[in-house]
C-alpha atoms as a PDB file:
ATOM      1  CA  UNK A   1     114.263 -13.843 -88.874  1.00  0.00           C
ATOM      2  CA  UNK A   2     111.229 -12.400 -90.641  1.00  0.00           C
ATOM      3  CA  UNK A   3     107.865 -14.042 -90.058  1.00  0.00           C
ATOM      4  CA  UNK A   4     104.475 -13.342 -91.602  1.00  0.00           C
ATOM      5  CA  UNK A   5     101.603 -14.418 -89.372  1.00  0.00           C
ATOM      6  CA  UNK A   6      98.243 -14.935 -91.079  1.00  0.00           C
ATOM      7  CA  UNK A   7      95.764 -13.986 -88.390  1.00  0.00           C
ATOM      8  CA  UNK A   8      92.196 -15.160 -87.797  1.00  0.00           C
ATOM      9  CA  UNK A   9      88.980 -13.319 -88.607  1.00  0.00           C
ATOM     10  CA  UNK A  10      87.426 -13.681 -85.133  1.00  0.00           C
ATOM     11  CA  UNK A  11      88.340 -11.170 -82.420  1.00  0.00           C
ATOM     12  CA  UNK A  12      88.808 -13.754 -79.678  1.00  0.00           C
ATOM     13  CA  UNK A  13      91.014 -15.929 -81.860  1.00  0.00           C
ATOM     14  CA  UNK A  14      93.109 -12.892 -82.749  1.00  0.00           C
ATOM     15  CA  UNK A  15      93.621 -12.100 -79.078  1.00  0.00           C
ATOM     16  CA  UNK A  16      94.702 -15.688 -78.415  1.00  0.00           C
ATOM     17  CA  UNK A  17      97.169 -15.403 -81.297  1.00  0.00           C
ATOM     18  CA  UNK A  18      99.161 -13.023 -79.099  1.00  0.00           C
ATOM     19  CA  UNK A  19     100.275 -16.023 -77.054  1.00  0.00           C
ATOM     20  CA  UNK A  20     101.972 -17.358 -80.192  1.00  0.00           C
ATOM     21  CA  UNK A  21     103.432 -13.925 -80.937  1.00  0.00           C
ATOM     22  CA  UNK A  22     105.003 -13.811 -77.466  1.00  0.00           C
ATOM     23  CA  UNK A  23     106.515 -17.283 -77.850  1.00  0.00           C
ATOM     24  CA  UNK A  24     108.019 -16.370 -81.223  1.00  0.00           C
ATOM     25  CA  UNK A  25     109.465 -13.124 -79.864  1.00  0.00           C
ATOM     26  CA  UNK A  26     110.947 -14.829 -76.811  1.00  0.00           C
ATOM     27  CA  UNK A  27     112.687 -17.400 -79.009  1.00  0.00           C
ATOM     28  CA  UNK A  28     114.241 -14.781 -81.315  1.00  0.00           C
ATOM     29  CA  UNK A  29     114.987 -11.304 -79.930  1.00  0.00           C
ATOM     30  CA  UNK A  30     115.783 -10.139 -83.481  1.00  0.00           C
ATOM     31  CA  UNK A  31     112.411 -11.289 -84.793  1.00  0.00           C
ATOM     32  CA  UNK A  32     110.612  -9.089 -87.329  1.00  0.00           C
ATOM     33  CA  UNK A  33     106.975 -10.132 -87.302  1.00  0.00           C
ATOM     34  CA  UNK A  34     104.199  -8.840 -89.530  1.00  0.00           C
ATOM     35  CA  UNK A  35     100.604  -9.811 -88.856  1.00  0.00           C
ATOM     36  CA  UNK A  36      98.184  -9.953 -91.793  1.00  0.00           C
ATOM     37  CA  UNK A  37      94.497 -10.123 -90.900  1.00  0.00           C
ATOM     38  CA  UNK A  38      91.066  -8.965 -92.067  1.00  0.00           C
ATOM     39  CA  UNK A  39      89.821  -5.509 -91.149  1.00  0.00           C
ATOM     40  CA  UNK A  40      87.646  -7.056 -88.421  1.00  0.00           C
ATOM     41  CA  UNK A  41      90.669  -8.076 -86.347  1.00  0.00           C
ATOM     42  CA  UNK A  42      93.757  -6.342 -87.794  1.00  0.00           C
ATOM     43  CA  UNK A  43      93.453  -3.273 -85.500  1.00  0.00           C
ATOM     44  CA  UNK A  44      94.332  -5.454 -82.505  1.00  0.00           C
ATOM     45  CA  UNK A  45      97.852  -5.911 -83.875  1.00  0.00           C
ATOM     46  CA  UNK A  46      98.510  -2.265 -82.995  1.00  0.00           C
ATOM     47  CA  UNK A  47      98.116  -3.245 -79.339  1.00  0.00           C
ATOM     48  CA  UNK A  48     100.689  -6.060 -79.560  1.00  0.00           C
ATOM     49  CA  UNK A  49     104.121  -4.577 -78.908  1.00  0.00           C
ATOM     50  CA  UNK A  50     105.972  -7.353 -80.745  1.00  0.00           C
ATOM     51  CA  UNK A  51     104.261  -6.761 -84.115  1.00  0.00           C
ATOM     52  CA  UNK A  52     106.241  -4.648 -86.590  1.00  0.00           C
ATOM     53  CA  UNK A  53     103.541  -4.133 -89.218  1.00  0.00           C
ATOM     54  CA  UNK A  54      99.924  -5.160 -89.671  1.00  0.00           C
ATOM     55  CA  UNK A  55      98.804  -5.136 -93.310  1.00  0.00           C
ATOM     56  CA  UNK A  56      95.055  -5.522 -93.746  1.00  0.00           C
ATOM     57  CA  UNK A  57      93.479  -8.180 -95.938  1.00  0.00           C
ATOM     58  CA  UNK A  58      90.882  -6.124 -97.849  1.00  0.00           C
ATOM     59  CA  UNK A  59      88.333  -8.907 -98.207  1.00  0.00           C
ATOM     60  CA  UNK A  60      85.106  -9.680 -96.407  1.00  0.00           C
ATOM     61  CA  UNK A  61      84.626 -12.778 -94.291  1.00  0.00           C
ATOM     62  CA  UNK A  62      84.509 -15.871 -96.498  1.00  0.00           C
ATOM     63  CA  UNK A  63      85.461 -14.049 -99.720  1.00  0.00           C
ATOM     64  CA  UNK A  64      87.952 -15.798-101.990  1.00  0.00           C
ATOM     65  CA  UNK A  65      89.226 -12.698-103.826  1.00  0.00           C
ATOM     66  CA  UNK A  66      91.859 -14.645-105.731  1.00  0.00           C
ATOM     67  CA  UNK A  67      93.177 -11.626-107.642  1.00  0.00           C
ATOM     68  CA  UNK A  68      93.406  -9.597-104.437  1.00  0.00           C
ATOM     69  CA  UNK A  69      95.288 -12.361-102.653  1.00  0.00           C
ATOM     70  CA  UNK A  70      97.650 -12.791-105.592  1.00  0.00           C
ATOM     71  CA  UNK A  71      98.390  -9.069-105.724  1.00  0.00           C
ATOM     72  CA  UNK A  72      98.942  -8.792-101.983  1.00  0.00           C
ATOM     73  CA  UNK A  73     101.196 -11.846-102.004  1.00  0.00           C
ATOM     74  CA  UNK A  74     103.322 -10.374-104.772  1.00  0.00           C
ATOM     75  CA  UNK A  75     103.571  -7.072-102.887  1.00  0.00           C
ATOM     76  CA  UNK A  76     104.798  -8.937 -99.812  1.00  0.00           C
ATOM     77  CA  UNK A  77     107.653 -10.604-101.694  1.00  0.00           C
ATOM     78  CA  UNK A  78     109.840  -7.568-101.128  1.00  0.00           C
ATOM     79  CA  UNK A  79     109.692  -8.189 -97.377  1.00  0.00           C
ATOM     80  CA  UNK A  80     111.611 -11.443 -97.938  1.00  0.00           C
ATOM     81  CA  UNK A  81     109.973 -13.351 -95.136  1.00  0.00           C
ATOM     82  CA  UNK A  82     111.694 -16.503 -93.917  1.00  0.00           C
ATOM     83  CA  UNK A  83     108.512 -18.147 -92.658  1.00  0.00           C
ATOM     84  CA  UNK A  84     104.753 -17.764 -92.757  1.00  0.00           C
ATOM     85  CA  UNK A  85     102.529 -19.195 -90.029  1.00  0.00           C
ATOM     86  CA  UNK A  86      98.916 -19.622 -91.112  1.00  0.00           C
ATOM     87  CA  UNK A  87      96.447 -19.781 -88.218  1.00  0.00           C
ATOM     88  CA  UNK A  88      93.124 -20.261 -90.064  1.00  0.00           C
ATOM     89  CA  UNK A  89      92.569 -23.753 -91.438  1.00  0.00           C
ATOM     90  CA  UNK A  90      91.013 -22.675 -94.731  1.00  0.00           C
ATOM     91  CA  UNK A  91      92.523 -23.244 -98.155  1.00  0.00           C
ATOM     92  CA  UNK A  92      92.308 -19.583 -99.126  1.00  0.00           C
ATOM     93  CA  UNK A  93      94.179 -18.434 -96.010  1.00  0.00           C
ATOM     94  CA  UNK A  94      97.311 -20.223 -97.265  1.00  0.00           C
ATOM     95  CA  UNK A  95      97.280 -18.553-100.682  1.00  0.00           C
ATOM     96  CA  UNK A  96      99.025 -15.277 -99.823  1.00  0.00           C
ATOM     97  CA  UNK A  97     102.175 -16.900 -98.344  1.00  0.00           C
ATOM     98  CA  UNK A  98     102.345 -19.109-101.439  1.00  0.00           C
ATOM     99  CA  UNK A  99     101.969 -16.126-103.781  1.00  0.00           C
ATOM    100  CA  UNK A 100     104.595 -14.296-101.684  1.00  0.00           C
ATOM    101  CA  UNK A 101     107.031 -17.199-102.257  1.00  0.00           C
ATOM    102  CA  UNK A 102     107.825 -17.485 -98.579  1.00  0.00           C
ATOM    103  CA  UNK A 103     110.171 -20.479 -98.303  1.00  0.00           C
ATOM    104  CA  UNK A 104     108.692 -22.029 -95.151  1.00  0.00           C
ATOM    105  CA  UNK A 105     104.907 -22.050 -94.837  1.00  0.00           C
ATOM    106  CA  UNK A 106     103.619 -23.538 -91.581  1.00  0.00           C
ATOM    107  CA  UNK A 107     100.104 -24.499 -90.560  1.00  0.00           C
ATOM    108  CA  UNK A 108      97.759 -27.264 -89.504  1.00  0.00           C
ATOM    109  CA  UNK A 109      96.405 -29.687 -92.041  1.00  0.00           C
ATOM    110  CA  UNK A 110      93.183 -28.171 -93.351  1.00  0.00           C
ATOM    111  CA  UNK A 111      91.251 -27.704 -96.572  1.00  0.00           C
ATOM    112  CA  UNK A 112      93.346 -29.059 -99.458  1.00  0.00           C
ATOM    113  CA  UNK A 113      96.495 -27.186 -98.420  1.00  0.00           C
ATOM    114  CA  UNK A 114      99.174 -29.604 -99.599  1.00  0.00           C
ATOM    115  CA  UNK A 115     101.517 -27.630-101.820  1.00  0.00           C
ATOM    116  CA  UNK A 116     100.373 -24.309-100.443  1.00  0.00           C
ATOM    117  CA  UNK A 117     101.929 -25.268 -97.097  1.00  0.00           C
ATOM    118  CA  UNK A 118     105.229 -27.131 -96.946  1.00  0.00           C
ATOM    119  CA  UNK A 119     105.529 -27.358 -93.147  1.00  0.00           C
ATOM    120  CA  UNK A 120     102.155 -28.939 -92.578  1.00  0.00           C
ATOM    121  CA  UNK A 121     101.216 -30.325 -89.166  1.00  0.00           C
ATOM    122  CA  UNK A 122      98.769 -33.071 -88.207  1.00  0.00           C
ATOM    123  CA  UNK A 123      96.681 -32.109 -85.201  1.00  0.00           C
ATOM    124  CA  UNK A 124      96.258 -34.394 -82.206  1.00  0.00           C
ATOM    125  CA  UNK A 125      93.193 -32.731 -80.715  1.00  0.00           C
ATOM    126  CA  UNK A 126      93.430 -34.814 -77.542  1.00  0.00           C
ATOM    127  CA  UNK A 127      96.981 -33.640 -76.867  1.00  0.00           C
ATOM    128  CA  UNK A 128      96.097 -30.035 -77.712  1.00  0.00           C
ATOM    129  CA  UNK A 129      92.516 -29.454 -76.548  1.00  0.00           C
ATOM    130  CA  UNK A 130      92.820 -25.664 -76.295  1.00  0.00           C
ATOM    131  CA  UNK A 131      92.949 -23.457 -79.355  1.00  0.00           C
ATOM    132  CA  UNK A 132      95.688 -21.310 -77.832  1.00  0.00           C
ATOM    133  CA  UNK A 133      97.956 -24.360 -77.466  1.00  0.00           C
ATOM    134  CA  UNK A 134      97.360 -25.243 -81.111  1.00  0.00           C
ATOM    135  CA  UNK A 135      98.537 -21.779 -82.042  1.00  0.00           C
ATOM    136  CA  UNK A 136     101.617 -21.920 -79.818  1.00  0.00           C
ATOM    137  CA  UNK A 137     102.572 -25.370 -81.127  1.00  0.00           C
ATOM    138  CA  UNK A 138     103.138 -23.868 -84.576  1.00  0.00           C
ATOM    139  CA  UNK A 139     106.117 -21.952 -83.155  1.00  0.00           C
ATOM    140  CA  UNK A 140     107.943 -25.192 -82.374  1.00  0.00           C
ATOM    141  CA  UNK A 141     109.372 -27.953 -84.565  1.00  0.00           C
ATOM    142  CA  UNK A 142     107.302 -31.114 -84.871  1.00  0.00           C
ATOM    143  CA  UNK A 143     107.768 -33.230 -81.752  1.00  0.00           C
ATOM    144  CA  UNK A 144     109.438 -30.479 -79.717  1.00  0.00           C
ATOM    145  CA  UNK A 145     108.187 -29.875 -76.166  1.00  0.00           C
ATOM    146  CA  UNK A 146     105.324 -27.425 -76.075  1.00  0.00           C
ATOM    147  CA  UNK A 147     105.988 -24.292 -74.002  1.00  0.00           C
ATOM    148  CA  UNK A 148     103.321 -23.006 -71.684  1.00  0.00           C
ATOM    149  CA  UNK A 149     101.116 -20.546 -73.521  1.00  0.00           C
ATOM    150  CA  UNK A 150     101.679 -17.101 -72.003  1.00  0.00           C
ATOM    151  CA  UNK A 151      98.407 -15.257 -71.479  1.00  0.00           C
ATOM    152  CA  UNK A 152      97.661 -12.656 -74.147  1.00  0.00           C
ATOM    153  CA  UNK A 153      98.410  -9.071 -73.197  1.00  0.00           C
ATOM    154  CA  UNK A 154      97.002  -6.100 -75.087  1.00  0.00           C
ATOM    155  CA  UNK A 155      98.167  -2.528 -74.606  1.00  0.00           C
ATOM    156  CA  UNK A 156      95.606   0.129 -73.711  1.00  0.00           C
ATOM    157  CA  UNK A 157      96.075   3.846 -74.320  1.00  0.00           C
ATOM    158  CA  UNK A 158      95.293   5.906 -71.242  1.00  0.00           C
ATOM    159  CA  UNK A 159      94.975   9.194 -73.158  1.00  0.00           C
ATOM    160  CA  UNK A 160      92.424   7.637 -75.487  1.00  0.00           C
ATOM    161  CA  UNK A 161      90.510   6.192 -72.536  1.00  0.00           C
ATOM    162  CA  UNK A 162      90.294   9.604 -70.866  1.00  0.00           C
ATOM    163  CA  UNK A 163      89.107  11.250 -74.081  1.00  0.00           C
ATOM    164  CA  UNK A 164      86.486   8.555 -74.612  1.00  0.00           C
ATOM    165  CA  UNK A 165      85.271   8.838 -71.035  1.00  0.00           C
ATOM    166  CA  UNK A 166      84.816  12.558 -71.579  1.00  0.00           C
ATOM    167  CA  UNK A 167      83.016  12.013 -74.895  1.00  0.00           C
ATOM    168  CA  UNK A 168      80.531   9.560 -73.396  1.00  0.00           C
ATOM    169  CA  UNK A 169      80.323  11.384 -70.035  1.00  0.00           C
ATOM    170  CA  UNK A 170      81.558   8.386 -68.104  1.00  0.00           C
ATOM    171  CA  UNK A 171      82.727   8.533 -64.508  1.00  0.00           C
ATOM    172  CA  UNK A 172      85.074   6.056 -62.859  1.00  0.00           C
ATOM    173  CA  UNK A 173      84.761   7.145 -59.236  1.00  0.00           C
ATOM    174  CA  UNK A 174      82.653   4.054 -58.537  1.00  0.00           C
ATOM    175  CA  UNK A 175      83.846   0.619 -59.692  1.00  0.00           C
ATOM    176  CA  UNK A 176      82.759  -0.259 -63.205  1.00  0.00           C
ATOM    177  CA  UNK A 177      81.521  -3.670 -64.296  1.00  0.00           C
ATOM    178  CA  UNK A 178      81.905  -4.323 -68.012  1.00  0.00           C
ATOM    179  CA  UNK A 179      79.097  -6.472 -69.388  1.00  0.00           C
ATOM    180  CA  UNK A 180      79.523  -7.991 -72.840  1.00  0.00           C
ATOM    181  CA  UNK A 181      76.178  -9.583 -73.786  1.00  0.00           C
ATOM    182  CA  UNK A 182      76.954 -10.273 -77.433  1.00  0.00           C
ATOM    183  CA  UNK A 183      78.465 -13.254 -79.233  1.00  0.00           C
ATOM    184  CA  UNK A 184      78.860 -13.036 -82.981  1.00  0.00           C
ATOM    185  CA  UNK A 185      78.724 -16.810 -83.418  1.00  0.00           C
ATOM    186  CA  UNK A 186      75.018 -16.990 -82.634  1.00  0.00           C
ATOM    187  CA  UNK A 187      72.248 -16.890 -79.997  1.00  0.00           C
ATOM    188  CA  UNK A 188      73.249 -20.204 -78.430  1.00  0.00           C
ATOM    189  CA  UNK A 189      76.223 -18.415 -76.832  1.00  0.00           C
ATOM    190  CA  UNK A 190      74.219 -15.482 -75.435  1.00  0.00           C
ATOM    191  CA  UNK A 191      73.064 -15.380 -71.828  1.00  0.00           C
ATOM    192  CA  UNK A 192      69.585 -13.769 -71.877  1.00  0.00           C
ATOM    193  CA  UNK A 193      69.353  -9.974 -71.461  1.00  0.00           C
ATOM    194  CA  UNK A 194      67.035 -10.448 -68.471  1.00  0.00           C
ATOM    195  CA  UNK A 195      69.782 -12.420 -66.731  1.00  0.00           C
ATOM    196  CA  UNK A 196      72.342  -9.696 -67.409  1.00  0.00           C
ATOM    197  CA  UNK A 197      69.858  -7.174 -66.021  1.00  0.00           C
ATOM    198  CA  UNK A 198      69.443  -9.224 -62.838  1.00  0.00           C
ATOM    199  CA  UNK A 199      73.226  -9.357 -62.419  1.00  0.00           C
ATOM    200  CA  UNK A 200      73.534  -5.612 -62.988  1.00  0.00           C
ATOM    201  CA  UNK A 201      70.855  -5.008 -60.363  1.00  0.00           C
ATOM    202  CA  UNK A 202      72.921  -6.953 -57.828  1.00  0.00           C
ATOM    203  CA  UNK A 203      76.055  -4.973 -58.718  1.00  0.00           C
ATOM    204  CA  UNK A 204      74.195  -1.669 -58.395  1.00  0.00           C
ATOM    205  CA  UNK A 205      73.105  -2.709 -54.905  1.00  0.00           C
ATOM    206  CA  UNK A 206      76.783  -3.304 -54.111  1.00  0.00           C
ATOM    207  CA  UNK A 207      77.726   0.225 -55.222  1.00  0.00           C
ATOM    208  CA  UNK A 208      78.894  -0.517 -58.747  1.00  0.00           C
ATOM    209  CA  UNK A 209      78.024   0.959 -62.107  1.00  0.00           C
ATOM    210  CA  UNK A 210      77.928  -0.933 -65.416  1.00  0.00           C
ATOM    211  CA  UNK A 211      79.097  -0.221 -68.954  1.00  0.00           C
ATOM    212  CA  UNK A 212      77.589  -2.336 -71.723  1.00  0.00           C
ATOM    213  CA  UNK A 213      79.977  -3.214 -74.554  1.00  0.00           C
ATOM    214  CA  UNK A 214      79.325  -4.666 -77.973  1.00  0.00           C
ATOM    215  CA  UNK A 215      79.187  -4.137 -81.702  1.00  0.00           C
ATOM    216  CA  UNK A 216      76.253  -2.574 -83.523  1.00  0.00           C
ATOM    217  CA  UNK A 217      74.692  -6.015 -83.870  1.00  0.00           C
ATOM    218  CA  UNK A 218      74.597  -6.320 -80.084  1.00  0.00           C
ATOM    219  CA  UNK A 219      72.548  -3.135 -79.636  1.00  0.00           C
ATOM    220  CA  UNK A 220      69.197  -4.993 -79.512  1.00  0.00           C
ATOM    221  CA  UNK A 221      70.497  -7.104 -76.614  1.00  0.00           C
ATOM    222  CA  UNK A 222      71.812  -4.109 -74.700  1.00  0.00           C
ATOM    223  CA  UNK A 223      68.526  -2.274 -75.341  1.00  0.00           C
ATOM    224  CA  UNK A 224      66.662  -5.238 -73.856  1.00  0.00           C
ATOM    225  CA  UNK A 225      68.910  -5.081 -70.810  1.00  0.00           C
ATOM    226  CA  UNK A 226      68.167  -1.395 -70.356  1.00  0.00           C
ATOM    227  CA  UNK A 227      64.432  -2.016 -70.768  1.00  0.00           C
ATOM    228  CA  UNK A 228      64.546  -4.610 -67.980  1.00  0.00           C
ATOM    229  CA  UNK A 229      65.957  -2.058 -65.512  1.00  0.00           C
ATOM    230  CA  UNK A 230      64.117   0.636 -63.606  1.00  0.00           C
ATOM    231  CA  UNK A 231      64.672   4.292 -64.431  1.00  0.00           C
ATOM    232  CA  UNK A 232      66.803   4.675 -61.306  1.00  0.00           C
ATOM    233  CA  UNK A 233      68.895   1.635 -62.211  1.00  0.00           C
ATOM    234  CA  UNK A 234      69.438   2.903 -65.746  1.00  0.00           C
ATOM    235  CA  UNK A 235      71.161   5.949 -64.255  1.00  0.00           C
ATOM    236  CA  UNK A 236      73.961   3.572 -63.220  1.00  0.00           C
ATOM    237  CA  UNK A 237      74.325   1.930 -66.634  1.00  0.00           C
ATOM    238  CA  UNK A 238      75.882   3.237 -69.859  1.00  0.00           C
ATOM    239  CA  UNK A 239      75.071   1.499 -73.132  1.00  0.00           C
ATOM    240  CA  UNK A 240      78.104   1.701 -75.456  1.00  0.00           C
ATOM    241  CA  UNK A 241      77.120  -1.041 -77.911  1.00  0.00           C
ATOM    242  CA  UNK A 242      77.750   0.062 -81.484  1.00  0.00           C
ATOM    243  CA  UNK A 243      79.180   3.409 -80.368  1.00  0.00           C
ATOM    244  CA  UNK A 244      82.880   2.519 -80.283  1.00  0.00           C
ATOM    245  CA  UNK A 245      85.463   1.042 -82.577  1.00  0.00           C
ATOM    246  CA  UNK A 246      87.223  -2.136 -81.506  1.00  0.00           C
ATOM    247  CA  UNK A 247      90.262  -0.237 -80.223  1.00  0.00           C
ATOM    248  CA  UNK A 248      88.058   2.295 -78.437  1.00  0.00           C
ATOM    249  CA  UNK A 249      86.387  -0.621 -76.686  1.00  0.00           C
ATOM    250  CA  UNK A 250      89.838  -1.887 -75.692  1.00  0.00           C
ATOM    251  CA  UNK A 251      90.703   1.447 -74.105  1.00  0.00           C
ATOM    252  CA  UNK A 252      87.388   1.797 -72.279  1.00  0.00           C
ATOM    253  CA  UNK A 253      87.525  -1.787 -71.024  1.00  0.00           C
ATOM    254  CA  UNK A 254      90.869  -0.949 -69.434  1.00  0.00           C
ATOM    255  CA  UNK A 255      88.995   1.493 -67.147  1.00  0.00           C
ATOM    256  CA  UNK A 256      86.761  -1.252 -65.747  1.00  0.00           C
ATOM    257  CA  UNK A 257      87.323  -3.229 -62.561  1.00  0.00           C
ATOM    258  CA  UNK A 258      85.914  -6.527 -63.834  1.00  0.00           C
ATOM    259  CA  UNK A 259      83.985  -8.040 -66.726  1.00  0.00           C
ATOM    260  CA  UNK A 260      81.159 -10.508 -67.185  1.00  0.00           C
ATOM    261  CA  UNK A 261      80.871 -11.813 -70.702  1.00  0.00           C
ATOM    262  CA  UNK A 262      79.542 -14.497 -72.927  1.00  0.00           C
ATOM    263  CA  UNK A 263      82.115 -16.627 -74.735  1.00  0.00           C
ATOM    264  CA  UNK A 264      83.006 -13.841 -77.150  1.00  0.00           C
ATOM    265  CA  UNK A 265      85.842 -11.784 -78.534  1.00  0.00           C
ATOM    266  CA  UNK A 266      85.409  -9.101 -75.888  1.00  0.00           C
ATOM    267  CA  UNK A 267      85.766 -11.758 -73.195  1.00  0.00           C
ATOM    268  CA  UNK A 268      89.279 -12.431 -74.490  1.00  0.00           C
ATOM    269  CA  UNK A 269      90.002  -8.711 -74.833  1.00  0.00           C
ATOM    270  CA  UNK A 270      89.030  -8.114 -71.199  1.00  0.00           C
ATOM    271  CA  UNK A 271      91.254 -10.956 -70.038  1.00  0.00           C
ATOM    272  CA  UNK A 272      94.162  -9.662 -72.137  1.00  0.00           C
ATOM    273  CA  UNK A 273      93.824  -6.320 -70.355  1.00  0.00           C
ATOM    274  CA  UNK A 274      94.234  -8.045 -66.995  1.00  0.00           C
ATOM    275  CA  UNK A 275      90.638  -7.673 -65.819  1.00  0.00           C
ATOM    276  CA  UNK A 276      89.000 -10.266 -63.597  1.00  0.00           C
ATOM    277  CA  UNK A 277      86.626 -12.036 -65.986  1.00  0.00           C
ATOM    278  CA  UNK A 278      83.611 -14.239 -65.411  1.00  0.00           C
ATOM    279  CA  UNK A 279      82.733 -16.017 -68.643  1.00  0.00           C
ATOM    280  CA  UNK A 280      79.313 -17.570 -69.217  1.00  0.00           C
ATOM    281  CA  UNK A 281      79.239 -20.684 -71.400  1.00  0.00           C
ATOM    282  CA  UNK A 282      76.272 -22.342 -73.078  1.00  0.00           C
ATOM    283  CA  UNK A 283      76.736 -24.111 -76.403  1.00  0.00           C
ATOM    284  CA  UNK A 284      80.523 -23.758 -76.425  1.00  0.00           C
ATOM    285  CA  UNK A 285      83.198 -25.315 -74.251  1.00  0.00           C
ATOM    286  CA  UNK A 286      85.582 -23.637 -71.802  1.00  0.00           C
ATOM    287  CA  UNK A 287      87.934 -26.536 -72.476  1.00  0.00           C
ATOM    288  CA  UNK A 288      88.494 -25.219 -76.023  1.00  0.00           C
ATOM    289  CA  UNK A 289      88.483 -21.422 -75.710  1.00  0.00           C
ATOM    290  CA  UNK A 290      88.663 -20.481 -72.017  1.00  0.00           C
ATOM    291  CA  UNK A 291      89.465 -16.974 -70.820  1.00  0.00           C
ATOM    292  CA  UNK A 292      93.237 -16.996 -70.429  1.00  0.00           C
ATOM    293  CA  UNK A 293      93.872 -14.400 -67.757  1.00  0.00           C
ATOM    294  CA  UNK A 294      95.035 -15.445 -64.312  1.00  0.00           C
ATOM    295  CA  UNK A 295      91.902 -13.912 -62.787  1.00  0.00           C
ATOM    296  CA  UNK A 296      89.161 -15.719 -64.661  1.00  0.00           C
ATOM    297  CA  UNK A 297      86.253 -17.987 -63.846  1.00  0.00           C
ATOM    298  CA  UNK A 298      83.939 -19.873 -66.149  1.00  0.00           C
ATOM    299  CA  UNK A 299      80.306 -20.559 -65.307  1.00  0.00           C
ATOM    300  CA  UNK A 300      78.149 -23.171 -67.010  1.00  0.00           C
ATOM    301  CA  UNK A 301      75.414 -25.632 -66.103  1.00  0.00           C
ATOM    302  CA  UNK A 302      77.134 -28.641 -67.707  1.00  0.00           C
ATOM    303  CA  UNK A 303      73.862 -30.005 -69.049  1.00  0.00           C
ATOM    304  CA  UNK A 304      73.964 -33.349 -70.894  1.00  0.00           C
ATOM    305  CA  UNK A 305      73.149 -31.563 -74.171  1.00  0.00           C
ATOM    306  CA  UNK A 306      76.063 -29.133 -73.841  1.00  0.00           C
ATOM    307  CA  UNK A 307      78.338 -28.233 -75.423  1.00  0.00           C
ATOM    308  CA  UNK A 308      76.583 -28.679 -78.763  1.00  0.00           C
ATOM    309  CA  UNK A 309      78.635 -26.075 -80.682  1.00  0.00           C
ATOM    310  CA  UNK A 310      75.527 -25.081 -82.643  1.00  0.00           C
ATOM    311  CA  UNK A 311      74.640 -21.480 -83.506  1.00  0.00           C
ATOM    312  CA  UNK A 312      71.054 -22.051 -82.354  1.00  0.00           C
ATOM    313  CA  UNK A 313      69.805 -24.473 -79.724  1.00  0.00           C
ATOM    314  CA  UNK A 314      68.925 -27.667 -81.635  1.00  0.00           C
ATOM    315  CA  UNK A 315      66.400 -28.563 -78.908  1.00  0.00           C
ATOM    316  CA  UNK A 316      64.698 -25.173 -78.988  1.00  0.00           C
ATOM    317  CA  UNK A 317      64.920 -24.400 -75.256  1.00  0.00           C
ATOM    318  CA  UNK A 318      68.409 -22.924 -74.647  1.00  0.00           C
ATOM    319  CA  UNK A 319      68.271 -24.282 -71.100  1.00  0.00           C
ATOM    320  CA  UNK A 320      72.073 -24.202 -70.853  1.00  0.00           C
ATOM    321  CA  UNK A 321      71.814 -20.410 -70.572  1.00  0.00           C
ATOM    322  CA  UNK A 322      68.226 -19.632 -69.592  1.00  0.00           C
ATOM    323  CA  UNK A 323      68.448 -21.755 -66.439  1.00  0.00           C
ATOM    324  CA  UNK A 324      71.738 -20.184 -65.324  1.00  0.00           C
ATOM    325  CA  UNK A 325      70.854 -17.772 -62.488  1.00  0.00           C
ATOM    326  CA  UNK A 326      72.410 -14.348 -62.079  1.00  0.00           C
ATOM    327  CA  UNK A 327      73.260 -15.145 -58.452  1.00  0.00           C
ATOM    328  CA  UNK A 328      75.647 -17.871 -59.562  1.00  0.00           C
ATOM    329  CA  UNK A 329      77.456 -15.493 -61.909  1.00  0.00           C
ATOM    330  CA  UNK A 330      77.573 -12.791 -59.239  1.00  0.00           C
ATOM    331  CA  UNK A 331      79.011 -15.258 -56.726  1.00  0.00           C
ATOM    332  CA  UNK A 332      81.749 -16.181 -59.199  1.00  0.00           C
ATOM    333  CA  UNK A 333      82.514 -12.499 -59.638  1.00  0.00           C
ATOM    334  CA  UNK A 334      82.637 -11.893 -55.897  1.00  0.00           C
ATOM    335  CA  UNK A 335      85.105 -14.759 -55.532  1.00  0.00           C
ATOM    336  CA  UNK A 336      87.494 -12.962 -57.891  1.00  0.00           C
ATOM    337  CA  UNK A 337      87.269  -9.498 -56.394  1.00  0.00           C
ATOM    338  CA  UNK A 338      88.837  -9.699 -52.904  1.00  0.00           C
ATOM    339  CA  UNK A 339      92.278 -10.665 -54.191  1.00  0.00           C
ATOM    340  CA  UNK A 340      92.262  -7.668 -56.510  1.00  0.00           C
ATOM    341  CA  UNK A 341      90.865  -5.167 -54.050  1.00  0.00           C
ATOM    342  CA  UNK A 342      87.889  -4.333 -56.242  1.00  0.00           C
ATOM    343  CA  UNK A 343      85.345  -3.762 -53.514  1.00  0.00           C
ATOM    344  CA  UNK A 344      83.654  -0.368 -53.797  1.00  0.00           C
END
């Protein structure tokens, strides 16, 4: 069977899509699966062993690009897919499978998609509270028992990691904590830089070093973290924000012993690499998009105003994150480390 998977535009969602990919592959050993996604997330398909091809949707986030979608859909007709599974809920995301004349087009009910999808599902959000389970459910017929979602697993390239470590003059003799202080969604998901700095200070005292990960847009946050540290402490920290591609970040994360992250795409990447992960939650909910690795902890204050799912704190104080002490995050990290043997 040939399946075209329409992937999401957010890195974390793309990582979680690998749970669906694994379920599809387990059900059909002869599966040929292509994964179509925007340039922001398509590179991750190269680290999913079950994916045969990963064509890139050459459109920016939110762009309709009707002519582009029509042309790409027509090009995909020659692949003769049996089924398309559309993960985003937007109307435009269902256009390419329709233009490609794929006979079975599966997805959740969304924006005016009747006709574009012909295997359309109605979501019971109470029965499927986690996004990953909503993805996996699309692999099964309506009403069929839902399999457990296998945790995502991304491949890392050791040769690339060694070359990158040499390029950035990174050493791995001491245990490395990956800190991911960004969150593309907005500031209401970002633990303050001063809090990350306090955590890093505690890890340095325990003999660790820290690598800061993020996109170019996260560089101001990582710069603030560095500014909050002493000159001696900065010797134990490497700021990589904006200096790596997504796949380079994957390979460097694989060198780390553990990760502390906001609710972000890199949180899911770290978990999919098998790292112990402590995830900090403010405006979002760990019930919806938790880290999926076996060695993961979530930390939040559970304030009455949270989760609000807003990009910016509607009350103006961001107490859900500002009041969360670094000691609590460090304690959660320590609780994960003994079982893995990550002590320095």
